[in-house]
N, C-alpha and C. Protein backbone atom coordinates (compact mmCIF):
# COMPACT_ATOMS: atom_id res chain seq x y z
N MET A 1 103.32 144.76 -48.66
CA MET A 1 104.49 143.74 -48.00
C MET A 1 104.91 143.26 -49.59
N ALA A 2 106.31 143.29 -49.78
CA ALA A 2 106.82 142.81 -50.91
C ALA A 2 106.88 141.15 -50.86
N LYS A 3 107.02 140.63 -51.76
CA LYS A 3 106.79 139.15 -51.73
C LYS A 3 108.43 138.80 -52.42
N ASN A 4 108.79 138.01 -51.77
CA ASN A 4 110.19 137.25 -52.13
C ASN A 4 110.20 136.77 -53.70
N LYS A 5 111.07 136.93 -54.17
CA LYS A 5 111.32 136.14 -55.68
C LYS A 5 111.75 134.90 -55.40
N GLY A 6 111.19 133.58 -56.05
CA GLY A 6 111.47 132.49 -55.65
C GLY A 6 110.83 131.77 -54.44
N LEU A 7 110.21 132.46 -53.77
CA LEU A 7 109.64 131.92 -52.57
C LEU A 7 108.03 131.65 -53.10
N SER A 8 107.83 130.18 -52.37
CA SER A 8 106.33 129.74 -52.57
C SER A 8 105.72 129.44 -51.08
N GLU A 9 104.94 129.96 -50.74
CA GLU A 9 104.11 129.55 -49.82
C GLU A 9 103.25 128.09 -49.82
N GLU A 10 103.38 127.34 -51.06
CA GLU A 10 102.59 126.27 -50.98
C GLU A 10 102.97 125.02 -50.11
N PRO A 11 102.53 124.26 -49.53
CA PRO A 11 102.90 123.17 -48.89
C PRO A 11 103.43 122.42 -49.66
N ALA A 12 104.85 121.84 -49.27
CA ALA A 12 105.36 120.48 -49.93
C ALA A 12 104.85 119.50 -50.61
N LYS A 13 105.01 118.86 -51.83
CA LYS A 13 104.16 117.91 -52.44
C LYS A 13 105.35 116.60 -52.60
N PHE A 14 104.37 115.37 -52.34
CA PHE A 14 105.00 114.13 -52.39
C PHE A 14 104.54 113.44 -53.69
N ALA A 15 105.12 112.05 -53.37
CA ALA A 15 104.75 111.22 -54.34
C ALA A 15 103.33 111.41 -54.76
N GLY A 16 102.66 111.34 -55.64
CA GLY A 16 101.38 111.42 -56.01
C GLY A 16 100.44 112.77 -56.06
N GLY A 17 101.25 113.53 -55.59
CA GLY A 17 100.75 115.18 -55.51
C GLY A 17 100.12 115.90 -54.06
N LYS A 18 100.25 114.83 -53.21
CA LYS A 18 99.79 115.02 -52.06
C LYS A 18 100.55 115.98 -51.11
N ALA A 19 100.00 117.29 -50.56
CA ALA A 19 100.42 118.04 -49.42
C ALA A 19 100.78 117.99 -48.30
N ARG A 20 101.61 118.08 -47.87
CA ARG A 20 102.04 117.85 -46.39
C ARG A 20 102.41 119.22 -45.92
N PRO A 21 101.41 119.90 -45.12
CA PRO A 21 101.76 121.21 -44.32
C PRO A 21 102.22 121.02 -43.37
N ASP A 22 102.86 119.96 -42.91
CA ASP A 22 103.70 119.77 -41.58
C ASP A 22 105.11 119.71 -42.39
N VAL A 23 105.72 119.63 -43.61
CA VAL A 23 107.03 119.34 -44.00
C VAL A 23 107.03 120.86 -44.69
N LEU A 24 108.46 121.50 -44.59
CA LEU A 24 109.04 122.51 -45.00
C LEU A 24 110.07 122.31 -46.05
N LYS A 25 110.15 122.98 -47.17
CA LYS A 25 110.89 122.92 -48.16
C LYS A 25 112.30 123.94 -48.26
N ILE A 26 113.38 123.43 -48.69
CA ILE A 26 114.32 124.30 -48.38
C ILE A 26 114.42 124.60 -49.68
N ARG A 27 114.64 126.03 -49.93
CA ARG A 27 114.62 126.91 -50.90
C ARG A 27 115.82 127.75 -51.04
N GLN A 28 116.11 128.08 -52.36
CA GLN A 28 117.17 129.11 -52.62
C GLN A 28 117.00 130.46 -52.11
N ILE A 29 117.49 131.63 -51.40
CA ILE A 29 116.82 132.82 -51.22
C ILE A 29 118.42 133.48 -51.30
N GLY A 30 118.18 134.56 -52.24
CA GLY A 30 119.56 134.76 -52.61
C GLY A 30 120.66 133.70 -52.82
N ASN A 31 121.87 133.99 -52.09
CA ASN A 31 122.94 133.24 -52.09
C ASN A 31 122.79 132.13 -50.78
N SER A 32 121.71 132.27 -50.14
CA SER A 32 121.68 131.49 -49.09
C SER A 32 120.29 130.24 -49.25
N LEU A 33 120.16 129.86 -48.25
CA LEU A 33 118.84 128.66 -48.43
C LEU A 33 118.06 128.83 -47.07
N GLY A 34 117.06 128.75 -47.28
CA GLY A 34 115.76 129.04 -46.37
C GLY A 34 114.74 128.27 -46.27
N VAL A 35 113.74 128.64 -45.33
CA VAL A 35 112.28 128.19 -45.19
C VAL A 35 111.54 128.95 -45.14
N VAL A 36 110.47 128.89 -45.41
CA VAL A 36 109.21 129.70 -45.44
C VAL A 36 108.52 129.16 -44.44
N LEU A 37 108.09 129.99 -43.12
CA LEU A 37 107.18 129.35 -42.17
C LEU A 37 105.73 129.57 -42.41
N PRO A 38 105.04 129.15 -42.32
CA PRO A 38 103.26 129.27 -42.60
C PRO A 38 102.99 130.09 -41.51
N LYS A 39 102.07 130.74 -41.98
CA LYS A 39 101.21 131.72 -41.08
C LYS A 39 100.94 131.22 -39.68
N ASP A 40 100.24 129.62 -39.41
CA ASP A 40 100.00 129.22 -38.40
C ASP A 40 101.17 129.03 -37.30
N VAL A 41 102.07 128.52 -37.99
CA VAL A 41 103.67 128.42 -37.13
C VAL A 41 104.07 129.78 -36.68
N LEU A 42 104.08 130.68 -37.38
CA LEU A 42 104.34 132.25 -36.74
C LEU A 42 103.28 132.80 -35.92
N ALA A 43 101.98 132.34 -35.76
CA ALA A 43 101.26 132.41 -35.07
C ALA A 43 101.57 131.91 -33.69
N LYS A 44 101.87 130.49 -33.92
CA LYS A 44 102.07 129.76 -32.67
C LYS A 44 103.33 130.14 -32.00
N LEU A 45 104.16 130.63 -32.82
CA LEU A 45 105.55 131.34 -32.28
C LEU A 45 105.40 132.52 -31.79
N ARG A 46 104.61 133.39 -32.28
CA ARG A 46 104.22 134.63 -31.70
C ARG A 46 105.11 135.62 -32.20
N VAL A 47 105.53 135.51 -33.65
CA VAL A 47 106.52 136.11 -34.12
C VAL A 47 106.11 136.41 -35.50
N GLY A 48 106.66 137.59 -36.27
CA GLY A 48 106.48 138.13 -37.60
C GLY A 48 107.68 138.68 -38.01
N GLU A 49 107.29 139.25 -39.61
CA GLU A 49 108.40 139.90 -39.86
C GLU A 49 109.12 140.72 -39.42
N GLY A 50 110.79 140.09 -39.36
CA GLY A 50 111.78 141.08 -38.56
C GLY A 50 112.00 140.58 -36.97
N ASP A 51 111.27 139.82 -36.67
CA ASP A 51 111.54 139.02 -35.27
C ASP A 51 112.47 138.21 -35.43
N ASP A 52 113.56 137.95 -34.44
CA ASP A 52 114.47 137.27 -34.14
C ASP A 52 113.93 135.73 -33.83
N LEU A 53 114.67 134.76 -34.02
CA LEU A 53 114.18 133.28 -33.51
C LEU A 53 115.59 132.94 -33.03
N HIS A 54 115.38 131.97 -31.93
CA HIS A 54 116.54 130.79 -31.33
C HIS A 54 116.53 129.87 -31.83
N ILE A 55 117.39 129.22 -32.23
CA ILE A 55 117.53 127.96 -32.83
C ILE A 55 118.22 126.94 -31.58
N VAL A 56 117.41 126.22 -30.57
CA VAL A 56 117.91 125.47 -29.64
C VAL A 56 117.99 123.85 -29.78
N GLU A 57 119.40 123.70 -29.50
CA GLU A 57 119.51 121.70 -29.60
C GLU A 57 118.73 121.28 -28.29
N THR A 58 117.95 120.56 -28.63
CA THR A 58 117.22 119.66 -27.48
C THR A 58 117.74 117.94 -28.10
N PRO A 59 117.26 117.35 -27.01
CA PRO A 59 117.40 115.49 -27.13
C PRO A 59 116.55 115.39 -28.19
N ASP A 60 115.54 115.92 -28.49
CA ASP A 60 114.51 115.40 -29.24
C ASP A 60 114.95 115.75 -30.85
N GLY A 61 115.95 116.81 -30.85
CA GLY A 61 116.20 117.60 -31.73
C GLY A 61 116.46 119.04 -31.82
N LEU A 62 116.14 119.92 -33.10
CA LEU A 62 116.28 121.47 -32.64
C LEU A 62 115.19 122.08 -32.56
N GLU A 63 114.78 122.92 -31.93
CA GLU A 63 113.38 123.79 -31.69
C GLU A 63 113.70 125.13 -31.97
N LEU A 64 112.79 126.03 -32.55
CA LEU A 64 112.74 127.37 -32.73
C LEU A 64 111.65 128.07 -31.56
N ARG A 65 112.72 128.98 -31.25
CA ARG A 65 112.12 129.92 -30.03
C ARG A 65 112.00 131.34 -29.81
N PRO A 66 111.15 132.14 -29.94
CA PRO A 66 111.42 133.51 -29.99
C PRO A 66 112.60 133.89 -29.47
N TYR A 67 112.83 134.89 -30.23
CA TYR A 67 114.12 135.47 -29.41
C TYR A 67 113.51 136.12 -28.32
N ASP A 68 114.60 136.20 -26.81
CA ASP A 68 114.20 136.94 -25.69
C ASP A 68 115.44 137.63 -25.17
N PRO A 69 115.46 139.09 -25.15
CA PRO A 69 116.65 139.44 -24.96
C PRO A 69 117.18 139.42 -23.51
N GLU A 70 116.04 139.17 -22.36
CA GLU A 70 116.04 138.52 -21.25
C GLU A 70 116.85 137.58 -21.13
N LEU A 71 116.19 136.54 -21.65
CA LEU A 71 116.85 135.20 -21.65
C LEU A 71 118.31 135.05 -21.84
N GLU A 72 118.82 136.02 -23.21
CA GLU A 72 119.88 135.93 -23.51
C GLU A 72 121.21 136.79 -22.32
N ARG A 73 120.38 137.70 -21.76
CA ARG A 73 121.50 138.30 -20.70
C ARG A 73 121.79 137.52 -19.78
N GLN A 74 120.56 136.60 -19.35
CA GLN A 74 120.95 135.87 -17.85
C GLN A 74 121.70 134.46 -18.53
N LEU A 75 121.63 134.11 -19.92
CA LEU A 75 122.51 132.93 -20.18
C LEU A 75 124.02 133.50 -20.18
N GLU A 76 124.19 134.89 -21.06
CA GLU A 76 125.47 135.13 -20.88
C GLU A 76 126.12 135.17 -19.09
N ALA A 77 125.25 135.78 -18.45
CA ALA A 77 125.67 136.11 -16.85
C ALA A 77 126.46 134.65 -16.39
N GLY A 78 124.96 133.83 -16.64
CA GLY A 78 125.59 132.44 -16.27
C GLY A 78 127.45 131.88 -17.07
N ARG A 79 127.37 131.95 -18.19
CA ARG A 79 128.69 132.03 -19.04
C ARG A 79 129.81 132.50 -18.16
N SER A 80 129.49 133.60 -17.97
CA SER A 80 130.75 134.47 -17.22
C SER A 80 130.81 133.97 -16.10
N ILE A 81 129.83 133.88 -15.20
CA ILE A 81 130.13 133.09 -13.69
C ILE A 81 131.11 131.55 -14.03
N ALA A 82 130.30 130.48 -14.98
CA ALA A 82 131.25 129.35 -15.17
C ALA A 82 132.69 129.57 -15.86
N LYS A 83 132.53 130.35 -16.22
CA LYS A 83 134.07 130.73 -16.77
C LYS A 83 135.29 131.25 -15.57
N ARG A 84 134.65 132.33 -14.91
CA ARG A 84 135.04 132.49 -13.81
C ARG A 84 135.43 131.62 -12.68
N TYR A 85 134.66 130.79 -12.63
CA TYR A 85 134.89 129.73 -11.22
C TYR A 85 134.64 128.64 -11.89
N ARG A 86 135.26 127.89 -13.13
CA ARG A 86 135.42 126.99 -13.63
C ARG A 86 136.40 125.85 -13.25
N ASN A 87 137.22 126.17 -12.18
CA ASN A 87 138.19 125.49 -11.45
C ASN A 87 137.26 124.85 -10.16
N ALA A 88 136.42 125.64 -9.80
CA ALA A 88 135.81 125.22 -8.73
C ALA A 88 134.27 124.24 -9.00
N LEU A 89 134.09 124.78 -10.22
CA LEU A 89 132.91 123.85 -10.95
C LEU A 89 133.09 122.35 -11.32
N ARG A 90 134.41 122.38 -11.54
CA ARG A 90 134.94 121.27 -11.87
C ARG A 90 135.25 120.17 -10.71
N GLU A 91 135.98 120.72 -9.49
CA GLU A 91 135.83 120.27 -8.49
C GLU A 91 134.90 119.71 -7.89
N LEU A 92 133.68 120.60 -8.01
CA LEU A 92 131.97 119.85 -7.51
C LEU A 92 131.58 119.07 -8.10
N ALA A 93 131.87 118.91 -9.63
CA ALA A 93 131.32 118.05 -10.33
C ALA A 93 131.82 116.81 -10.26
N LYS A 94 133.15 116.13 -9.40
CA LYS A 94 133.56 115.35 -9.11
C LYS A 94 132.54 114.18 -8.43
C-alpha cells in the first residue's frame, strides 16, 4: 500500500510536546484538506481503505458512520414520501 505524501500518522502534539491521540490534525492532501484516521478508529468504525463514510449531524455535533446502502435507500424512500405528501404532513403537524 502506497503511503500518501505529506501525511503523517503521528498523534497531534501540543505545548510541551505532549501527544494527544484523540485529536486529529487537518492536513493538506492535494488541493483539499483532510484528516488521517488512526487504525483503532478505523477498527471501531469497521471500515478500511476505499470504504465510504456518512457524516451525520447530531445535537452533540458531527458523527462519522459507515456508509450503509440499505439505509440510504430507506432515507430516499422517506424523502420521496415526505415530498409527495408534503401538504398532508404539514396539516398533521399543526
